[in-house]
Amino acid sequence: MSNPVMVNVTSNMAYTAAETIEIVSRLGAKKGRGRPDKAFLGAMSAGCLLALAAGGSLIVTAIPWYNENAPGIPKLLCALVFPVALVLIMLTGGELFTGSTMITGVAVLHGRLPVGKMLLHWFLCFWGNFSGCLFTLAIFIISAGVFDDEPFRGQVIKFVAHKQLDPTWGQIFIRGIGCNWLVCLAIFMGMQPKDIASKIMAMYMPIFVFVMLGFDHIAANMFFIPLGIWLGTPGVSIGLYIWKGMIPVALGNLIGGTVFCGGYYYYMFILGEPDIAIDGLYY
């Protein structure tokens, strides 16, 4: 009697961690060498989609009794809604600054992309995300009066004041690291499955955790803080936003994406290892 043939079903359903970081490297090399106008427009689209999901996540937290007596419930609701942002961005090919730190960073570590190309891609993604967030904020949130009435207006003011005034600069920096570690992990995990439903679930979980923990995401802050400033949050100004809502978050996000996620998986599965084939093809 012949031995049974063992079939690796898993490889047909999802990529391994080693294959996924190879995919990240190839994607980073491609994106880093892509057309700057497409990178900027892709980032602007990502900013628009993120702003819409961020606005929805604020709406569901506007429950005054729970905010006072059971604050974990509004956080849970926010964490259930906000991951929609990454799902929309990833499934439509948007360019997210936080994800770019991992994707192009790994390509640079792998010697497939010059540092200058990486920095240009970061620059385009950052300002593209910012433009998209401000566009959506101005046209679809402020002009539409979404947060004009209570309790929604008060919830935004309370949320932004807590995010900008309560923590120290160093605490925000650490939160930025933790945030993009999880965001890039969500992107990494989202590249592993080959079917849409599994991709959505894989991306959903790390984003859920980062929102529950209250970590800081630079692109999300591009929506939250300007909205709070527009609504007149006491003590929150453009200068404070740049100092505490932009600089420490951006630096923390850079470390979280390039070191904690991209750098770690590059070290584990690419550095000093044989070349990795994707679907039988080498780079």
Protein backbone atom coordinates (compact mmCIF):
# COMPACT_ATOMS: atom_id res chain seq x y z
CA MET A 1 0.00 0.00 0.00
CA SER A 2 1.47 3.35 -1.01
CA ASN A 3 1.96 6.19 1.41
CA PRO A 4 -0.77 8.88 1.38
CA VAL A 5 0.09 12.14 -0.35
CA MET A 6 0.24 15.08 2.09
CA VAL A 7 -1.27 18.25 0.64
CA ASN A 8 -0.38 21.64 2.14
CA VAL A 9 -3.81 23.24 2.09
CA THR A 10 -2.72 26.23 4.17
CA SER A 11 -0.34 27.49 1.47
CA ASN A 12 -3.30 27.77 -0.91
CA MET A 13 -5.26 29.83 1.59
CA ALA A 14 -2.65 32.21 3.01
CA TYR A 15 0.98 33.23 2.73
CA THR A 16 3.41 32.40 5.53
CA ALA A 17 4.99 35.16 7.63
CA ALA A 18 8.23 34.80 5.64
CA GLU A 19 6.39 35.04 2.33
CA THR A 20 4.41 38.03 3.57
CA ILE A 21 7.46 40.10 4.53
CA GLU A 22 8.88 39.28 1.07
CA ILE A 23 5.65 40.61 -0.43
CA VAL A 24 6.01 43.73 1.74
CA SER A 25 9.55 44.24 0.43
CA ARG A 26 8.49 43.85 -3.21
CA LEU A 27 5.53 46.17 -2.70
CA GLY A 28 7.74 48.78 -1.02
CA ALA A 29 10.17 48.74 -3.94
CA LYS A 30 7.30 49.20 -6.38
CA LYS A 31 5.54 51.93 -4.42
CA GLY A 32 8.76 53.81 -3.70
CA ARG A 33 9.53 53.98 -7.43
CA GLY A 34 5.98 54.82 -8.47
CA ARG A 35 4.73 58.09 -9.88
CA PRO A 36 4.66 60.87 -7.25
CA ASP A 37 1.27 62.19 -8.41
CA LYS A 38 -0.32 58.76 -7.98
CA ALA A 39 1.26 58.36 -4.54
CA PHE A 40 -0.13 61.72 -3.44
CA LEU A 41 -3.62 61.09 -4.83
CA GLY A 42 -3.66 57.61 -3.30
CA ALA A 43 -2.70 59.14 0.03
CA MET A 44 -5.35 61.82 -0.33
CA SER A 45 -7.96 59.14 -0.97
CA ALA A 46 -6.77 57.28 2.13
CA GLY A 47 -7.10 60.49 4.18
CA CYS A 48 -10.67 60.98 2.96
CA LEU A 49 -11.70 57.43 3.82
CA LEU A 50 -9.99 57.56 7.20
CA ALA A 51 -11.72 60.83 8.06
CA LEU A 52 -15.15 59.38 7.28
CA ALA A 53 -14.53 56.35 9.51
CA ALA A 54 -13.03 58.56 12.25
CA GLY A 55 -16.12 60.76 12.18
CA GLY A 56 -18.32 57.71 12.55
CA SER A 57 -16.25 56.47 15.49
CA LEU A 58 -16.83 59.79 17.29
CA ILE A 59 -20.59 59.64 16.68
CA VAL A 60 -20.97 56.25 18.37
CA THR A 61 -19.09 57.43 21.49
CA ALA A 62 -21.47 60.36 22.14
CA ILE A 63 -23.37 58.63 24.96
CA PRO A 64 -23.11 60.98 27.99
CA TRP A 65 -24.31 58.52 30.65
CA TYR A 66 -21.90 55.79 29.56
CA ASN A 67 -19.03 58.26 29.21
CA GLU A 68 -19.52 59.23 32.85
CA ASN A 69 -20.39 55.87 34.36
CA ALA A 70 -19.04 53.16 32.05
CA PRO A 71 -16.34 54.73 29.83
CA GLY A 72 -15.24 51.36 28.55
CA ILE A 73 -18.48 50.97 26.57
CA PRO A 74 -17.97 54.03 24.31
CA LYS A 75 -14.35 52.94 23.79
CA LEU A 76 -15.57 49.53 22.73
CA LEU A 77 -18.01 51.06 20.25
CA CYS A 78 -15.29 53.31 18.85
CA ALA A 79 -12.96 50.32 18.47
CA LEU A 80 -15.67 48.46 16.56
CA VAL A 81 -16.16 51.29 14.05
CA PHE A 82 -12.69 52.77 13.49
CA PRO A 83 -11.09 49.66 11.86
CA VAL A 84 -13.41 50.29 8.91
CA ALA A 85 -10.88 52.99 7.92
CA LEU A 86 -8.03 50.56 7.28
CA VAL A 87 -10.30 48.06 5.56
CA LEU A 88 -11.51 50.72 3.11
CA ILE A 89 -7.99 52.01 2.48
CA MET A 90 -6.33 48.64 1.96
CA LEU A 91 -9.05 47.15 -0.22
CA THR A 92 -9.07 50.23 -2.50
CA GLY A 93 -5.29 50.59 -2.79
CA GLY A 94 -4.93 53.80 -0.77
CA GLU A 95 -1.58 55.09 0.50
CA LEU A 96 -1.35 55.47 4.28
CA PHE A 97 1.67 57.23 5.74
CA THR A 98 1.84 54.88 8.70
CA GLY A 99 1.77 51.81 6.47
CA SER A 100 4.38 53.34 4.18
CA THR A 101 6.89 53.45 7.04
CA MET A 102 6.86 49.65 7.14
CA ILE A 103 6.40 48.89 3.46
CA THR A 104 9.08 51.16 1.99
CA GLY A 105 11.26 50.77 5.09
CA VAL A 106 11.56 47.02 4.53
CA ALA A 107 12.39 47.61 0.86
CA VAL A 108 15.25 49.90 1.93
CA LEU A 109 16.55 47.33 4.44
CA HIS A 110 16.38 44.73 1.67
CA GLY A 111 18.46 46.92 -0.65
CA ARG A 112 15.64 47.23 -3.17
CA LEU A 113 14.86 50.93 -2.70
CA PRO A 114 17.12 53.99 -2.17
CA VAL A 115 16.63 55.96 1.05
CA GLY A 116 15.79 59.09 -0.93
CA LYS A 117 12.89 57.35 -2.68
CA MET A 118 11.59 56.14 0.68
CA LEU A 119 11.71 59.63 2.19
CA LEU A 120 9.92 61.10 -0.83
CA HIS A 121 7.18 58.49 -0.53
CA TRP A 122 6.79 59.27 3.17
CA PHE A 123 6.56 62.99 2.37
CA LEU A 124 3.92 62.46 -0.31
CA CYS A 125 1.88 60.10 1.87
CA PHE A 126 2.02 62.41 4.89
CA TRP A 127 0.77 65.49 3.07
CA GLY A 128 -1.63 63.49 0.93
CA ASN A 129 -3.24 62.03 4.06
CA PHE A 130 -3.40 65.50 5.61
CA SER A 131 -5.01 67.00 2.49
CA GLY A 132 -7.58 64.21 2.33
CA CYS A 133 -8.51 64.56 5.99
CA LEU A 134 -8.91 68.34 5.74
CA PHE A 135 -10.91 68.03 2.51
CA THR A 136 -13.37 65.58 4.04
CA LEU A 137 -13.51 67.58 7.27
CA ALA A 138 -14.35 70.81 5.42
CA ILE A 139 -16.79 69.44 2.84
CA PHE A 140 -18.54 66.48 4.46
CA ILE A 141 -18.29 67.20 8.19
CA ILE A 142 -18.16 70.93 8.88
CA SER A 143 -20.27 72.08 5.91
CA ALA A 144 -22.80 69.33 6.59
CA GLY A 145 -23.04 70.30 10.28
CA VAL A 146 -22.47 66.74 11.46
CA PHE A 147 -21.15 67.79 14.88
CA ASP A 148 -23.07 71.07 15.32
CA ASP A 149 -25.57 69.68 17.83
CA GLU A 150 -25.21 68.14 21.27
CA PRO A 151 -24.17 65.65 22.49
CA PHE A 152 -21.92 65.20 19.44
CA ARG A 153 -20.24 68.61 19.62
CA GLY A 154 -19.49 68.19 23.32
CA GLN A 155 -18.11 64.69 22.77
CA VAL A 156 -15.62 65.95 20.15
CA ILE A 157 -14.44 68.74 22.46
CA LYS A 158 -14.05 66.35 25.37
CA PHE A 159 -12.26 63.77 23.23
CA VAL A 160 -9.79 66.24 21.70
CA ALA A 161 -9.08 67.95 25.02
CA HIS A 162 -8.34 64.58 26.63
CA LYS A 163 -6.11 63.56 23.71
CA GLN A 164 -4.08 66.79 23.56
CA LEU A 165 -4.08 68.32 27.05
CA ASP A 166 -3.91 65.38 29.47
CA PRO A 167 -0.91 63.26 28.33
CA THR A 168 2.70 64.48 28.28
CA TRP A 169 4.76 64.77 25.09
CA GLY A 170 6.64 61.60 26.03
CA GLN A 171 3.45 59.66 26.67
CA ILE A 172 2.09 60.64 23.26
CA PHE A 173 5.38 59.57 21.67
CA ILE A 174 5.14 56.12 23.28
CA ARG A 175 1.51 55.83 22.24
CA GLY A 176 2.58 56.62 18.69
CA ILE A 177 5.03 53.72 18.72
CA GLY A 178 2.42 51.28 20.01
CA CYS A 179 -0.15 52.53 17.55
CA ASN A 180 1.87 51.98 14.39
CA TRP A 181 3.25 48.70 15.61
CA LEU A 182 -0.36 47.51 15.64
CA VAL A 183 -1.40 49.34 12.46
CA CYS A 184 1.49 47.87 10.47
CA LEU A 185 0.79 44.48 12.02
CA ALA A 186 -2.77 44.83 10.73
CA ILE A 187 -1.46 45.62 7.24
CA PHE A 188 1.00 42.72 7.44
CA MET A 189 -1.69 40.30 8.56
CA GLY A 190 -4.07 41.65 5.93
CA MET A 191 -1.59 40.63 3.22
CA GLN A 192 -1.46 37.02 4.41
CA PRO A 193 -4.92 35.64 3.53
CA LYS A 194 -5.96 35.27 -0.09
CA ASP A 195 -9.70 35.80 0.39
CA ILE A 196 -11.40 39.11 1.18
CA ALA A 197 -13.29 38.03 4.31
CA SER A 198 -10.12 36.72 5.96
CA LYS A 199 -8.24 39.87 5.01
CA ILE A 200 -10.88 42.02 6.69
CA MET A 201 -10.81 39.97 9.89
CA ALA A 202 -7.00 39.98 9.99
CA MET A 203 -6.82 43.76 9.60
CA TYR A 204 -9.62 44.34 12.07
CA MET A 205 -8.08 42.81 15.20
CA PRO A 206 -4.89 44.90 15.69
CA ILE A 207 -6.77 48.15 14.94
CA PHE A 208 -9.42 47.19 17.50
CA VAL A 209 -6.68 46.80 20.12
CA PHE A 210 -4.93 50.10 19.34
CA VAL A 211 -8.20 52.06 19.56
CA MET A 212 -9.18 50.39 22.85
CA LEU A 213 -5.79 51.35 24.31
CA GLY A 214 -6.14 54.96 23.15
CA PHE A 215 -2.92 55.03 21.12
CA ASP A 216 -2.14 57.89 18.73
CA HIS A 217 -2.24 57.63 14.95
CA ILE A 218 -0.83 60.57 12.97
CA ALA A 219 -3.40 60.38 10.16
CA ALA A 220 -6.33 59.99 12.56
CA ASN A 221 -5.11 63.05 14.45
CA MET A 222 -5.18 64.94 11.13
CA PHE A 223 -8.96 64.64 11.42
CA PHE A 224 -9.63 64.63 15.16
CA ILE A 225 -7.52 67.61 16.23
CA PRO A 226 -8.46 70.07 13.43
CA LEU A 227 -12.11 69.20 14.09
CA GLY A 228 -11.62 69.95 17.79
CA ILE A 229 -9.89 73.24 16.97
CA TRP A 230 -12.74 74.22 14.62
CA LEU A 231 -15.32 73.49 17.33
CA GLY A 232 -13.41 75.64 19.82
CA THR A 233 -11.86 73.12 22.22
CA PRO A 234 -10.48 75.23 25.10
CA GLY A 235 -6.67 75.23 25.30
CA VAL A 236 -6.15 73.44 21.99
CA SER A 237 -4.51 75.53 19.27
CA ILE A 238 -2.73 74.93 15.97
CA GLY A 239 0.61 75.38 17.71
CA LEU A 240 -0.26 72.81 20.38
CA TYR A 241 -1.47 70.42 17.69
CA ILE A 242 1.85 70.65 15.85
CA TRP A 243 3.84 70.24 19.08
CA LYS A 244 1.83 67.44 20.73
CA GLY A 245 -0.51 66.04 18.09
CA MET A 246 1.85 65.87 15.15
CA ILE A 247 5.58 65.76 16.04
CA PRO A 248 5.62 63.08 18.79
CA VAL A 249 2.98 60.99 17.02
CA ALA A 250 4.82 61.07 13.68
CA LEU A 251 8.13 60.14 15.33
CA GLY A 252 6.50 57.37 17.35
CA ASN A 253 4.64 56.03 14.32
CA LEU A 254 7.91 55.97 12.34
CA ILE A 255 9.61 53.85 15.00
CA GLY A 256 6.60 51.57 15.43
CA GLY A 257 6.39 50.88 11.70
CA THR A 258 10.06 50.65 10.71
CA VAL A 259 11.51 48.99 13.82
CA PHE A 260 8.84 47.15 15.80
CA CYS A 261 7.04 45.71 12.80
CA GLY A 262 8.93 45.96 9.49
CA GLY A 263 12.41 45.75 10.99
CA TYR A 264 11.51 42.80 13.20
CA TYR A 265 10.03 40.67 10.40
CA TYR A 266 12.87 41.61 8.06
CA TYR A 267 15.40 40.44 10.67
CA MET A 268 13.51 37.23 11.39
CA PHE A 269 12.69 36.05 7.88
CA ILE A 270 14.87 37.88 5.31
CA LEU A 271 18.24 38.82 6.81
CA GLY A 272 20.72 36.01 6.21
CA GLU A 273 18.01 33.71 4.85
CA PRO A 274 17.68 32.20 1.34
CA ASP A 275 15.66 34.13 -1.24
CA ILE A 276 11.93 33.65 -0.89
CA ALA A 277 9.68 32.74 -3.80
CA ILE A 278 6.13 34.05 -4.00
CA ASP A 279 3.77 31.70 -5.85
CA GLY A 280 6.89 30.05 -7.30
CA LEU A 281 8.45 33.30 -8.55
CA TYR A 282 11.61 34.94 -7.22
CA TYR A 283 12.20 38.71 -7.19
